[in-house]
Protein backbone atom coordinates (compact mmCIF):
# COMPACT_ATOMS: atom_id res chain seq x y z
CA MET A 1 -38.85 173.17 48.35
CA ILE A 2 -40.40 175.49 45.36
CA ALA A 3 -42.81 173.81 42.77
CA TYR A 4 -42.95 175.56 39.51
CA ARG A 5 -44.43 174.40 36.06
CA ALA A 6 -41.73 173.49 33.49
CA MET A 7 -41.85 172.33 29.91
CA VAL A 8 -39.78 169.35 28.35
CA ASP A 9 -39.01 169.43 24.04
CA VAL A 10 -40.12 165.90 23.70
CA PRO A 11 -43.28 164.61 21.33
CA ARG A 12 -46.21 163.38 23.39
CA GLU A 13 -46.07 160.70 21.18
CA LEU A 14 -42.75 159.39 22.19
CA VAL A 15 -44.12 159.69 25.83
CA GLN A 16 -46.69 157.37 25.12
CA HIS A 17 -44.32 154.89 23.35
CA LEU A 18 -42.73 154.62 26.25
CA GLY A 19 -45.66 154.33 28.90
CA ARG A 20 -47.12 151.54 26.66
CA LEU A 21 -43.32 149.93 26.80
CA LEU A 22 -43.37 149.94 30.57
CA ALA A 23 -47.56 149.10 31.31
CA ALA A 24 -46.19 145.89 28.84
CA GLU A 25 -43.70 145.19 31.37
CA ARG A 26 -45.79 145.77 34.79
CA ARG A 27 -48.11 142.94 33.14
CA ALA A 28 -45.15 140.64 32.83
CA ARG A 29 -44.26 141.73 36.45
CA GLY A 30 -47.73 141.12 37.39
CA THR A 31 -48.07 144.29 39.05
CA ARG A 32 -51.68 144.97 40.57
CA ARG A 33 -53.23 148.03 39.01
CA GLY A 34 -53.70 151.28 41.09
CA THR A 35 -50.29 150.03 43.22
CA ARG A 36 -47.78 152.29 41.71
CA ALA A 37 -47.56 155.86 42.87
CA LEU A 38 -47.06 157.18 39.30
CA THR A 39 -49.11 155.78 35.81
CA CYS A 40 -46.98 154.64 32.92
CA PHE A 41 -47.11 157.61 31.64
CA TYR A 42 -45.99 159.81 34.29
CA GLN A 43 -43.00 157.63 34.86
CA ALA A 44 -42.37 157.86 30.86
CA LEU A 45 -42.19 161.52 31.17
CA LEU A 46 -40.14 161.84 34.28
CA VAL A 47 -37.74 159.22 32.38
CA LEU A 48 -37.81 160.90 29.32
CA VAL A 49 -37.45 164.71 31.71
CA TRP A 50 -34.36 162.62 32.76
CA PHE A 51 -32.88 162.09 29.64
CA ARG A 52 -33.53 165.45 27.89
CA LYS A 53 -32.34 167.92 30.78
CA ALA A 54 -30.39 165.38 32.83
CA GLU A 55 -31.70 166.74 35.73
CA ASP A 56 -30.94 165.61 39.54
CA ILE A 57 -33.02 162.84 40.33
CA THR A 58 -34.12 163.40 43.66
CA LEU A 59 -35.69 167.13 42.76
CA LEU A 60 -37.00 165.80 39.65
CA GLY A 61 -38.93 163.19 42.04
CA ALA A 62 -39.98 165.93 44.64
CA GLY A 63 -41.26 167.44 41.06
CA PHE A 64 -43.95 163.89 40.70
CA GLY A 65 -44.38 163.72 44.14
CA ILE A 66 -42.43 160.57 44.51
CA SER A 67 -39.44 159.58 47.19
CA ARG A 68 -35.58 159.60 45.89
CA ALA A 69 -35.65 155.81 46.16
CA THR A 70 -38.88 155.80 44.16
CA ALA A 71 -37.33 158.09 40.96
CA TYR A 72 -34.58 156.07 40.56
CA ARG A 73 -36.31 152.81 40.92
CA TYR A 74 -38.61 154.46 37.85
CA ARG A 75 -35.61 155.30 36.08
CA ASP A 76 -33.84 152.54 36.33
CA GLU A 77 -37.09 150.72 34.49
CA GLY A 78 -37.13 152.98 31.98
CA ILE A 79 -33.85 152.58 30.98
CA ALA A 80 -34.39 148.39 31.41
CA VAL A 81 -37.31 149.20 28.86
CA LEU A 82 -35.86 151.06 26.24
CA ALA A 83 -32.63 149.59 26.11
CA ALA A 84 -34.80 145.96 25.86
CA GLN A 85 -35.61 147.51 22.77
CA ALA A 86 -32.13 147.40 20.76
CA GLN A 87 -31.53 145.00 17.89
CA ASP A 88 -28.30 143.09 18.10
CA LEU A 89 -25.10 143.84 15.94
CA HIS A 90 -26.04 141.49 13.33
CA THR A 91 -29.38 142.47 12.68
CA ALA A 92 -28.46 146.46 12.37
CA LEU A 93 -25.79 145.54 10.00
CA ARG A 94 -28.57 143.60 8.00
CA ARG A 95 -30.87 145.91 8.23
CA ALA A 96 -28.34 148.81 7.08
CA ALA A 97 -27.49 146.22 3.50
CA ASP A 98 -31.58 145.74 3.20
CA ASP A 99 -31.77 149.68 3.25
CA GLY A 100 -29.33 149.77 0.38
CA TRP A 101 -26.64 151.93 2.19
CA SER A 102 -23.43 151.42 0.78
CA HIS A 103 -20.99 151.22 4.17
CA VAL A 104 -21.06 151.89 7.70
CA ILE A 105 -19.36 153.94 9.94
CA LEU A 106 -16.92 152.53 13.04
CA ASP A 107 -16.70 155.15 15.45
CA GLY A 108 -15.76 154.64 19.23
CA LYS A 109 -16.50 157.43 22.81
CA LEU A 110 -15.48 157.73 26.22
CA PHE A 111 -19.12 158.77 27.97
CA ASP A 112 -17.89 160.40 30.37
CA CYS A 113 -18.35 159.27 34.70
CA ASP A 114 -17.61 160.04 37.92
CA ARG A 115 -14.10 159.34 39.49
CA LEU A 116 -13.88 155.15 40.43
CA THR A 117 -11.56 153.76 42.74
CA GLU A 118 -11.61 150.45 40.14
CA THR A 119 -8.55 149.60 39.49
CA THR A 120 -6.87 146.88 36.59
CA LEU A 121 -3.25 145.67 35.57
CA SER A 122 -1.41 147.56 32.91
CA ILE A 123 -0.02 145.92 30.00
CA LYS A 124 3.46 146.75 31.96
CA GLY A 125 1.86 145.23 34.77
CA GLU A 126 1.68 148.53 36.66
CA THR A 127 -1.59 149.10 38.96
CA ILE A 128 -3.90 151.52 36.93
CA ASP A 129 -7.36 152.97 37.37
CA ALA A 130 -9.58 150.55 35.07
CA TRP A 131 -12.20 153.99 33.82
CA TYR A 132 -9.47 156.22 33.12
CA SER A 133 -8.31 156.87 29.69
CA GLY A 134 -4.80 158.14 29.48
CA LYS A 135 -5.63 159.59 25.93
CA HIS A 136 -8.53 161.88 26.87
CA ARG A 137 -7.16 161.66 30.36
CA ASP A 138 -10.88 162.04 32.18
CA PHE A 139 -13.00 158.98 33.93
CA GLY A 140 -15.80 157.05 31.65
CA ALA A 141 -16.70 153.84 29.37
CA ASN A 142 -15.90 152.96 26.22
CA ILE A 143 -18.72 152.89 23.90
CA GLN A 144 -18.34 151.78 20.39
CA ALA A 145 -21.22 152.40 17.27
CA ILE A 146 -22.14 151.71 13.92
CA MET A 147 -23.45 155.20 12.22
CA ARG A 148 -25.36 154.98 8.87
CA PRO A 149 -23.65 157.35 6.18
CA ASP A 150 -25.74 159.95 6.72
CA GLY A 151 -24.76 159.74 10.25
CA LEU A 152 -27.81 158.27 12.50
CA PRO A 153 -26.20 156.00 14.81
CA ILE A 154 -27.92 152.35 14.19
CA TRP A 155 -26.40 150.09 16.98
CA THR A 156 -24.41 150.90 20.31
CA SER A 157 -22.51 148.58 22.65
CA ALA A 158 -22.00 147.82 25.98
CA ALA A 159 -19.93 149.99 28.28
CA MET A 160 -16.30 149.03 28.53
CA PRO A 161 -13.33 150.25 30.90
CA GLY A 162 -12.29 153.36 29.83
CA HIS A 163 -8.37 152.69 29.51
CA LEU A 164 -8.88 150.36 26.81
CA HIS A 165 -8.39 151.58 23.39
CA ASP A 166 -10.99 151.70 20.69
CA THR A 167 -9.51 148.60 19.04
CA SER A 168 -8.95 146.52 21.92
CA CYS A 169 -12.72 147.19 22.55
CA ALA A 170 -13.98 146.27 19.19
CA ARG A 171 -12.22 143.06 19.05
CA GLU A 172 -13.43 141.99 22.39
CA LEU A 173 -17.36 142.73 21.87
CA GLY A 174 -17.14 141.29 18.50
CA VAL A 175 -17.88 144.07 16.79
CA THR A 176 -14.93 143.73 14.09
CA ALA A 177 -15.36 140.37 13.78
CA ALA A 178 -19.33 141.18 12.45
CA LEU A 179 -17.84 143.96 10.56
CA ASN A 180 -15.76 142.03 8.45
CA TRP A 181 -18.71 139.22 8.43
CA SER A 182 -20.82 142.23 6.84
CA SER A 183 -18.27 143.28 4.57
CA ALA A 184 -17.91 140.27 3.11
CA GLU A 185 -21.32 138.12 3.19
CA LEU A 186 -23.57 141.54 3.23
CA ASP A 187 -20.59 143.76 0.38
CA LEU A 188 -21.10 146.42 3.12
CA PRO A 189 -18.15 147.54 4.77
CA ALA A 190 -16.78 150.29 7.87
CA LEU A 191 -14.87 152.83 7.25
CA ALA A 192 -13.20 154.04 10.40
CA ASP A 193 -10.40 156.45 11.39
CA SER A 194 -6.56 155.21 12.26
CA GLY A 195 -7.20 153.90 15.52
CA TYR A 196 -8.57 150.52 13.82
CA GLU A 197 -5.58 150.21 11.94
CA SER A 198 -5.04 145.85 11.35
CA ALA A 199 -8.78 145.43 12.41
CA GLY A 200 -9.55 143.01 9.40
CA HIS A 201 -10.27 143.60 5.66
CA GLY A 202 -13.73 145.01 6.42
CA ILE A 203 -12.56 148.04 8.00
CA LYS A 204 -11.07 150.47 6.01
CA THR A 205 -9.01 152.84 7.77
CA PRO A 206 -6.90 155.67 6.69
CA ILE A 207 -3.02 154.97 5.20
CA LYS A 208 -0.52 155.89 7.68
CA GLN A 209 3.02 158.08 7.21
CA PRO A 210 5.37 156.49 6.12
CA ALA A 211 7.61 155.51 9.51
CA ASP A 212 10.63 157.05 7.32
CA GLY A 213 9.33 160.76 6.91
CA SER A 214 8.54 160.13 3.35
CA ARG A 215 5.69 161.50 1.79
CA LEU A 216 2.60 159.52 1.05
CA ALA A 217 2.34 157.98 -2.43
CA PRO A 218 -0.50 160.47 -4.47
CA ASP A 219 -2.74 157.17 -4.65
CA ASN A 220 -2.48 157.03 -1.18
CA ARG A 221 -3.64 160.61 0.01
CA ALA A 222 -6.50 160.82 -2.14
CA TYR A 223 -7.62 157.53 -0.40
CA ASN A 224 -7.17 159.44 2.39
CA ARG A 225 -9.35 162.24 1.49
CA LEU A 226 -12.08 160.25 0.03
CA LEU A 227 -12.30 158.53 3.47
CA ARG A 228 -12.11 161.89 6.00
CA GLY A 229 -14.77 162.92 3.65
CA LEU A 230 -16.97 159.98 4.43
CA ARG A 231 -15.92 159.07 7.73
CA TRP A 232 -17.20 162.25 9.39
CA GLN A 233 -20.47 161.55 9.75
CA GLY A 234 -19.91 159.17 11.87
CA GLU A 235 -18.61 161.37 14.63
CA ARG A 236 -21.67 163.75 13.69
CA GLY A 237 -24.05 160.23 14.87
CA PHE A 238 -22.50 160.85 18.98
CA ALA A 239 -23.09 164.25 18.23
CA ILE A 240 -26.72 163.78 17.99
CA MET A 241 -27.35 161.69 20.89
CA ILE A 242 -25.61 164.01 23.09
CA GLY A 243 -27.07 167.50 21.85
CA ARG A 244 -30.25 165.68 22.32
CA TRP A 245 -30.19 163.72 25.29
CA LYS A 246 -28.02 165.81 27.65
CA THR A 247 -27.55 162.50 30.66
CA LEU A 248 -24.93 161.27 28.21
CA ARG A 249 -22.51 164.19 29.13
CA HIS A 250 -21.69 163.22 32.55
CA THR A 251 -23.28 160.00 34.07
CA THR A 252 -23.33 159.62 38.20
CA ALA A 253 -24.31 155.81 37.63
CA SER A 254 -21.83 152.65 37.62
CA PRO A 255 -20.07 153.34 34.35
CA ARG A 256 -21.03 149.74 33.66
CA ARG A 257 -24.60 150.97 33.25
CA ILE A 258 -23.51 153.80 30.33
CA GLY A 259 -23.50 151.54 27.39
CA ASP A 260 -27.73 150.57 28.54
CA ILE A 261 -27.81 154.51 29.15
CA VAL A 262 -26.57 155.03 25.67
CA THR A 263 -28.55 152.17 24.25
CA ALA A 264 -31.66 153.45 25.88
CA ALA A 265 -30.88 157.26 23.97
CA LEU A 266 -30.32 155.35 21.05
CA HIS A 267 -33.77 154.01 20.20
CA LEU A 268 -35.44 157.30 21.91
CA THR A 269 -33.43 159.18 18.95
CA HIS A 270 -34.47 156.36 16.26
CA PHE A 271 -38.42 156.79 17.39
CA GLU A 272 -37.78 160.76 16.68
CA TYR A 273 -35.78 160.73 14.05
CA LYS A 274 -39.11 158.47 12.23
CA TYR A 275 -41.29 160.56 14.37
CA LEU A 276 -40.22 163.84 12.39
CA SER A 277 -39.42 161.83 8.80
CA GLN A 278 -42.80 161.28 8.62
CA GLY A 279 -43.63 164.94 8.71
CA HIS A 280 -44.41 165.95 12.19
């Protein structure tokens, strides 16, 4: 192998922040000082390079002078401590209401992963690939997310098998119940696309075209136009994270772990957002 110098465009303060989280984790585990191959700072740097550039973990570990197994273990520790910082959905909704936002946006996305052999039964009783999405014609994990009106994600869900529809995932994860609660108790409705139709009074979705093919009434067309004008920021929320953290574009990790990886990326995104908003 040939070594070369490289740079990663993340703030040093973010590396230090993750380093502190890793140091706290080592203390909690009772790790003795000087027994690790990398310091907390360099372990944090390795994790952030993986998130930012999606480099092969074996080559990344070699660049840091550690084995493939150690590199995987250090990466997984970083993901775990970042994902542990996530707030629960109800807390995220309360914070959005306290910050004065008028609504939130619900959206789902299939995060690409390698092909899997895990199977399940379809509604028709047929054996199908559990993580294959017929809609996207690809393998992946379904992740539900809540975004602020400006597009910044505030919460992401655990990973659900890709064959499930957004509404099924949202209901099984308790997202629809939480959003109906926030609409009633916090006056914080949620906007969503037509895939979430009949998810509850607190989730506003477009009015569909009549089954007989007739045109929607003018009021309904105006409602749909206004809803689309507000809801498009939800898709921007996923784009923010995927554009910034390249490892989210495709993962070779177990698809059930994609939820933790996305949640970790969410925490990194929030840290950088606060860092930039402070004028750095």
